[in-house]
């Protein structure tokens, strides 16, 4: 794997800006769920983990966490295949719970729409979406998003949980990949 600096076009969202916005999201979510007795945050693995851990520390109301994993990308692909597979399901019943789905990025909307349909069938009390990154210009399917960290342009991004071929999730910022220096594997 080549060093990330060799393929980094620019830092799109620096660490301090990320953390400020996540703190603001935490305050907003805490206010909205002040009366909830059964809030559960469901993180979509793997990209959402860093966002979840920072966000949950900013939420002041009691809440549980859960994880699920879905896949719509084939190995090495940068475009969704459109086929959504559930690879890890919840261990917790969400019937009549207040569910907040925590996602790293929403672009086409197909994956999150499938997850919302699946979770909705389990009859939660409420079902809302919180995404760190919203790439709205790529949207193919309408998705109701209640909490958005940042609206971003149609760029291939990595860092802060988002991978570049499974690497660099650990970076504390969101960077843009220089596709001239990191061409597609297709």
C-alpha atoms as a PDB file:
ATOM      1  CA  UNK A   1       0.000   0.000   0.000  1.00  0.00           C
ATOM      2  CA  UNK A   2       1.352   3.395  -0.931  1.00  0.00           C
ATOM      3  CA  UNK A   3       1.531   6.175   1.678  1.00  0.00           C
ATOM      4  CA  UNK A   4      -1.723   8.136   1.846  1.00  0.00           C
ATOM      5  CA  UNK A   5       0.118  11.427   1.256  1.00  0.00           C
ATOM      6  CA  UNK A   6       1.008  10.172  -2.229  1.00  0.00           C
ATOM      7  CA  UNK A   7      -2.665   9.935  -3.220  1.00  0.00           C
ATOM      8  CA  UNK A   8      -4.132  12.766  -1.134  1.00  0.00           C
ATOM      9  CA  UNK A   9      -5.427  15.495  -3.438  1.00  0.00           C
ATOM     10  CA  UNK A  10      -6.611  17.688  -0.552  1.00  0.00           C
ATOM     11  CA  UNK A  11      -7.918  17.583   2.996  1.00  0.00           C
ATOM     12  CA  UNK A  12     -11.628  18.190   2.506  1.00  0.00           C
ATOM     13  CA  UNK A  13     -12.618  18.316   6.197  1.00  0.00           C
ATOM     14  CA  UNK A  14      -9.884  18.785   8.811  1.00  0.00           C
ATOM     15  CA  UNK A  15     -10.027  17.076  12.196  1.00  0.00           C
ATOM     16  CA  UNK A  16     -11.011  20.165  14.217  1.00  0.00           C
ATOM     17  CA  UNK A  17     -13.908  20.961  11.872  1.00  0.00           C
ATOM     18  CA  UNK A  18     -15.092  17.333  12.026  1.00  0.00           C
ATOM     19  CA  UNK A  19     -15.076  17.322  15.813  1.00  0.00           C
ATOM     20  CA  UNK A  20     -16.866  20.676  16.098  1.00  0.00           C
ATOM     21  CA  UNK A  21     -19.652  19.497  13.810  1.00  0.00           C
ATOM     22  CA  UNK A  22     -19.974  16.139  15.586  1.00  0.00           C
ATOM     23  CA  UNK A  23     -20.325  17.966  18.918  1.00  0.00           C
ATOM     24  CA  UNK A  24     -23.104  20.107  17.408  1.00  0.00           C
ATOM     25  CA  UNK A  25     -24.857  16.986  16.058  1.00  0.00           C
ATOM     26  CA  UNK A  26     -24.614  15.395  19.514  1.00  0.00           C
ATOM     27  CA  UNK A  27     -26.277  18.432  21.098  1.00  0.00           C
ATOM     28  CA  UNK A  28     -29.056  18.432  18.487  1.00  0.00           C
ATOM     29  CA  UNK A  29     -29.718  14.699  18.866  1.00  0.00           C
ATOM     30  CA  UNK A  30     -29.700  15.012  22.668  1.00  0.00           C
ATOM     31  CA  UNK A  31     -32.327  17.764  22.497  1.00  0.00           C
ATOM     32  CA  UNK A  32     -34.489  15.818  20.043  1.00  0.00           C
ATOM     33  CA  UNK A  33     -34.402  12.639  22.142  1.00  0.00           C
ATOM     34  CA  UNK A  34     -34.599  14.241  25.599  1.00  0.00           C
ATOM     35  CA  UNK A  35     -37.802  12.318  26.399  1.00  0.00           C
ATOM     36  CA  UNK A  36     -36.742   9.009  24.848  1.00  0.00           C
ATOM     37  CA  UNK A  37     -36.434   6.099  27.244  1.00  0.00           C
ATOM     38  CA  UNK A  38     -35.193   3.602  24.684  1.00  0.00           C
ATOM     39  CA  UNK A  39     -32.860   5.258  22.163  1.00  0.00           C
ATOM     40  CA  UNK A  40     -30.594   2.916  20.235  1.00  0.00           C
ATOM     41  CA  UNK A  41     -27.885   3.991  17.810  1.00  0.00           C
ATOM     42  CA  UNK A  42     -27.327   1.492  15.011  1.00  0.00           C
ATOM     43  CA  UNK A  43     -23.994   1.836  13.273  1.00  0.00           C
ATOM     44  CA  UNK A  44     -23.455   0.548   9.765  1.00  0.00           C
ATOM     45  CA  UNK A  45     -20.079  -1.187   9.783  1.00  0.00           C
ATOM     46  CA  UNK A  46     -17.276  -0.595   9.048  1.00  0.00           C
ATOM     47  CA  UNK A  47     -17.053   2.982   7.894  1.00  0.00           C
ATOM     48  CA  UNK A  48     -19.352   4.417  10.534  1.00  0.00           C
ATOM     49  CA  UNK A  49     -17.398   3.208  13.584  1.00  0.00           C
ATOM     50  CA  UNK A  50     -15.220   6.291  14.115  1.00  0.00           C
ATOM     51  CA  UNK A  51     -18.194   8.590  13.632  1.00  0.00           C
ATOM     52  CA  UNK A  52     -20.323   6.530  16.041  1.00  0.00           C
ATOM     53  CA  UNK A  53     -17.724   6.525  18.812  1.00  0.00           C
ATOM     54  CA  UNK A  54     -17.205  10.283  18.640  1.00  0.00           C
ATOM     55  CA  UNK A  55     -20.924  11.014  18.227  1.00  0.00           C
ATOM     56  CA  UNK A  56     -22.076   8.826  21.119  1.00  0.00           C
ATOM     57  CA  UNK A  57     -19.698  10.648  23.463  1.00  0.00           C
ATOM     58  CA  UNK A  58     -21.500  13.876  22.554  1.00  0.00           C
ATOM     59  CA  UNK A  59     -25.026  12.520  23.124  1.00  0.00           C
ATOM     60  CA  UNK A  60     -26.110  13.242  26.681  1.00  0.00           C
ATOM     61  CA  UNK A  61     -29.290  11.142  26.795  1.00  0.00           C
ATOM     62  CA  UNK A  62     -29.066   7.436  27.705  1.00  0.00           C
ATOM     63  CA  UNK A  63     -28.716   5.208  24.676  1.00  0.00           C
ATOM     64  CA  UNK A  64     -27.664   1.747  23.598  1.00  0.00           C
ATOM     65  CA  UNK A  65     -25.621   0.867  20.527  1.00  0.00           C
ATOM     66  CA  UNK A  66     -25.879  -1.897  17.954  1.00  0.00           C
ATOM     67  CA  UNK A  67     -24.123  -2.805  14.737  1.00  0.00           C
ATOM     68  CA  UNK A  68     -25.073  -4.156  11.380  1.00  0.00           C
ATOM     69  CA  UNK A  69     -23.112  -4.660   8.202  1.00  0.00           C
ATOM     70  CA  UNK A  70     -24.333  -4.447   4.656  1.00  0.00           C
ATOM     71  CA  UNK A  71     -22.508  -4.651   1.391  1.00  0.00           C
ATOM     72  CA  UNK A  72     -23.280  -3.183  -1.986  1.00  0.00           C
ATOM     73  CA  UNK A  73     -19.721  -2.949  -3.260  1.00  0.00           C
ATOM     74  CA  UNK A  74     -17.729  -5.793  -4.729  1.00  0.00           C
ATOM     75  CA  UNK A  75     -14.093  -6.205  -3.726  1.00  0.00           C
ATOM     76  CA  UNK A  76     -12.038  -3.324  -5.100  1.00  0.00           C
ATOM     77  CA  UNK A  77     -15.055  -1.518  -6.558  1.00  0.00           C
ATOM     78  CA  UNK A  78     -15.673   2.161  -6.017  1.00  0.00           C
ATOM     79  CA  UNK A  79     -19.212   2.068  -7.377  1.00  0.00           C
ATOM     80  CA  UNK A  80     -22.148   0.323  -5.760  1.00  0.00           C
ATOM     81  CA  UNK A  81     -23.345  -2.786  -7.541  1.00  0.00           C
ATOM     82  CA  UNK A  82     -26.923  -1.923  -6.584  1.00  0.00           C
ATOM     83  CA  UNK A  83     -27.292  -5.322  -4.895  1.00  0.00           C
ATOM     84  CA  UNK A  84     -27.491  -4.925  -1.116  1.00  0.00           C
ATOM     85  CA  UNK A  85     -26.508  -7.881   1.066  1.00  0.00           C
ATOM     86  CA  UNK A  86     -26.959  -8.004   4.838  1.00  0.00           C
ATOM     87  CA  UNK A  87     -23.715  -9.472   6.175  1.00  0.00           C
ATOM     88  CA  UNK A  88     -24.297  -8.843   9.907  1.00  0.00           C
ATOM     89  CA  UNK A  89     -27.713  -8.428  11.482  1.00  0.00           C
ATOM     90  CA  UNK A  90     -28.691  -6.885  14.808  1.00  0.00           C
ATOM     91  CA  UNK A  91     -28.569  -8.857  18.036  1.00  0.00           C
ATOM     92  CA  UNK A  92     -31.171  -6.587  19.640  1.00  0.00           C
ATOM     93  CA  UNK A  93     -34.904  -6.341  19.065  1.00  0.00           C
ATOM     94  CA  UNK A  94     -35.809  -2.793  17.961  1.00  0.00           C
ATOM     95  CA  UNK A  95     -39.589  -3.181  18.269  1.00  0.00           C
ATOM     96  CA  UNK A  96     -40.995   0.094  19.686  1.00  0.00           C
ATOM     97  CA  UNK A  97     -37.483   1.522  20.170  1.00  0.00           C
ATOM     98  CA  UNK A  98     -36.293   4.944  19.029  1.00  0.00           C
ATOM     99  CA  UNK A  99     -33.749   4.026  16.362  1.00  0.00           C
ATOM    100  CA  UNK A 100     -31.082   6.351  15.029  1.00  0.00           C
ATOM    101  CA  UNK A 101     -29.194   4.845  12.112  1.00  0.00           C
ATOM    102  CA  UNK A 102     -25.603   6.159  12.054  1.00  0.00           C
ATOM    103  CA  UNK A 103     -23.894   6.085   8.658  1.00  0.00           C
ATOM    104  CA  UNK A 104     -20.562   7.376   7.386  1.00  0.00           C
ATOM    105  CA  UNK A 105     -21.645   8.489   3.906  1.00  0.00           C
ATOM    106  CA  UNK A 106     -24.774   8.455   1.781  1.00  0.00           C
ATOM    107  CA  UNK A 107     -24.364   8.833  -1.942  1.00  0.00           C
ATOM    108  CA  UNK A 108     -26.767   6.951  -4.276  1.00  0.00           C
ATOM    109  CA  UNK A 109     -29.059   6.199  -1.321  1.00  0.00           C
ATOM    110  CA  UNK A 110     -29.721   2.634  -2.449  1.00  0.00           C
ATOM    111  CA  UNK A 111     -27.971   0.923   0.458  1.00  0.00           C
ATOM    112  CA  UNK A 112     -29.470   3.078   3.188  1.00  0.00           C
ATOM    113  CA  UNK A 113     -32.936   2.837   1.593  1.00  0.00           C
ATOM    114  CA  UNK A 114     -32.699  -0.964   1.760  1.00  0.00           C
ATOM    115  CA  UNK A 115     -31.572  -0.826   5.396  1.00  0.00           C
ATOM    116  CA  UNK A 116     -34.424   1.538   6.286  1.00  0.00           C
ATOM    117  CA  UNK A 117     -36.934  -0.799   4.646  1.00  0.00           C
ATOM    118  CA  UNK A 118     -35.529  -3.759   6.587  1.00  0.00           C
ATOM    119  CA  UNK A 119     -35.547  -1.926   9.930  1.00  0.00           C
ATOM    120  CA  UNK A 120     -38.951  -0.367   9.369  1.00  0.00           C
ATOM    121  CA  UNK A 121     -40.455  -3.864   9.042  1.00  0.00           C
ATOM    122  CA  UNK A 122     -39.291  -4.517  12.614  1.00  0.00           C
ATOM    123  CA  UNK A 123     -41.650  -1.760  13.808  1.00  0.00           C
ATOM    124  CA  UNK A 124     -39.480   0.659  15.762  1.00  0.00           C
ATOM    125  CA  UNK A 125     -41.185   3.592  17.467  1.00  0.00           C
ATOM    126  CA  UNK A 126     -39.095   6.037  15.411  1.00  0.00           C
ATOM    127  CA  UNK A 127     -36.488   5.496  12.717  1.00  0.00           C
ATOM    128  CA  UNK A 128     -34.182   8.343  11.753  1.00  0.00           C
ATOM    129  CA  UNK A 129     -30.900   8.701   9.870  1.00  0.00           C
ATOM    130  CA  UNK A 130     -27.723  10.511  10.882  1.00  0.00           C
ATOM    131  CA  UNK A 131     -24.947  10.633   8.297  1.00  0.00           C
ATOM    132  CA  UNK A 132     -21.555  12.219   8.585  1.00  0.00           C
ATOM    133  CA  UNK A 133     -21.300  12.875   4.844  1.00  0.00           C
ATOM    134  CA  UNK A 134     -24.068  13.523   2.332  1.00  0.00           C
ATOM    135  CA  UNK A 135     -23.101  13.297  -1.335  1.00  0.00           C
ATOM    136  CA  UNK A 136     -26.524  14.497  -2.552  1.00  0.00           C
ATOM    137  CA  UNK A 137     -25.585  15.037  -6.197  1.00  0.00           C
ATOM    138  CA  UNK A 138     -25.124  11.251  -6.525  1.00  0.00           C
ATOM    139  CA  UNK A 139     -28.568  10.463  -5.097  1.00  0.00           C
ATOM    140  CA  UNK A 140     -30.590   7.964  -7.110  1.00  0.00           C
ATOM    141  CA  UNK A 141     -33.129   7.063  -4.418  1.00  0.00           C
ATOM    142  CA  UNK A 142     -34.834   9.421  -1.995  1.00  0.00           C
ATOM    143  CA  UNK A 143     -33.674   8.894   1.583  1.00  0.00           C
ATOM    144  CA  UNK A 144     -35.017  10.933   4.517  1.00  0.00           C
ATOM    145  CA  UNK A 145     -31.959  12.198   6.397  1.00  0.00           C
ATOM    146  CA  UNK A 146     -32.631  13.999   9.672  1.00  0.00           C
ATOM    147  CA  UNK A 147     -29.042  14.766  10.687  1.00  0.00           C
ATOM    148  CA  UNK A 148     -26.243  15.657   8.262  1.00  0.00           C
ATOM    149  CA  UNK A 149     -22.695  16.387   9.282  1.00  0.00           C
ATOM    150  CA  UNK A 150     -21.459  17.746   5.960  1.00  0.00           C
ATOM    151  CA  UNK A 151     -22.739  17.976   2.405  1.00  0.00           C
ATOM    152  CA  UNK A 152     -19.828  17.171   0.135  1.00  0.00           C
ATOM    153  CA  UNK A 153     -19.140  17.300  -3.613  1.00  0.00           C
ATOM    154  CA  UNK A 154     -18.974  14.198  -5.773  1.00  0.00           C
ATOM    155  CA  UNK A 155     -15.390  13.288  -4.877  1.00  0.00           C
ATOM    156  CA  UNK A 156     -13.857   9.966  -3.874  1.00  0.00           C
ATOM    157  CA  UNK A 157     -13.072  10.507  -0.176  1.00  0.00           C
ATOM    158  CA  UNK A 158     -11.224   8.548   2.478  1.00  0.00           C
ATOM    159  CA  UNK A 159     -10.150   8.832   6.110  1.00  0.00           C
ATOM    160  CA  UNK A 160     -12.082   9.064   9.389  1.00  0.00           C
ATOM    161  CA  UNK A 161     -13.598   5.611   8.955  1.00  0.00           C
ATOM    162  CA  UNK A 162     -13.862   5.677   5.166  1.00  0.00           C
ATOM    163  CA  UNK A 163     -11.417   3.352   3.503  1.00  0.00           C
ATOM    164  CA  UNK A 164      -9.196   3.465   0.474  1.00  0.00           C
ATOM    165  CA  UNK A 165      -9.162  -0.217  -0.500  1.00  0.00           C
ATOM    166  CA  UNK A 166      -9.586  -1.108   3.202  1.00  0.00           C
ATOM    167  CA  UNK A 167      -6.745   1.169   4.401  1.00  0.00           C
ATOM    168  CA  UNK A 168      -6.554   4.619   6.005  1.00  0.00           C
ATOM    169  CA  UNK A 169      -9.764   4.450   8.036  1.00  0.00           C
ATOM    170  CA  UNK A 170      -7.645   5.663  10.959  1.00  0.00           C
ATOM    171  CA  UNK A 171      -6.914   9.120   9.546  1.00  0.00           C
ATOM    172  CA  UNK A 172      -8.422  11.900  11.695  1.00  0.00           C
ATOM    173  CA  UNK A 173      -9.621  13.910   8.670  1.00  0.00           C
ATOM    174  CA  UNK A 174     -11.612  13.414   5.464  1.00  0.00           C
ATOM    175  CA  UNK A 175      -9.387  13.562   2.403  1.00  0.00           C
ATOM    176  CA  UNK A 176     -10.010  13.547  -1.339  1.00  0.00           C
ATOM    177  CA  UNK A 177      -8.259  10.882  -3.403  1.00  0.00           C
ATOM    178  CA  UNK A 178      -6.194  12.108  -6.349  1.00  0.00           C
ATOM    179  CA  UNK A 179      -7.513   9.655  -8.928  1.00  0.00           C
ATOM    180  CA  UNK A 180      -4.662  10.509 -11.320  1.00  0.00           C
ATOM    181  CA  UNK A 181      -2.279   9.029  -8.741  1.00  0.00           C
ATOM    182  CA  UNK A 182      -4.590   6.263  -7.558  1.00  0.00           C
ATOM    183  CA  UNK A 183      -6.362   4.895 -10.621  1.00  0.00           C
ATOM    184  CA  UNK A 184      -9.185   2.395 -10.572  1.00  0.00           C
ATOM    185  CA  UNK A 185      -8.308  -1.300 -10.309  1.00  0.00           C
ATOM    186  CA  UNK A 186     -10.930  -2.191 -12.898  1.00  0.00           C
END
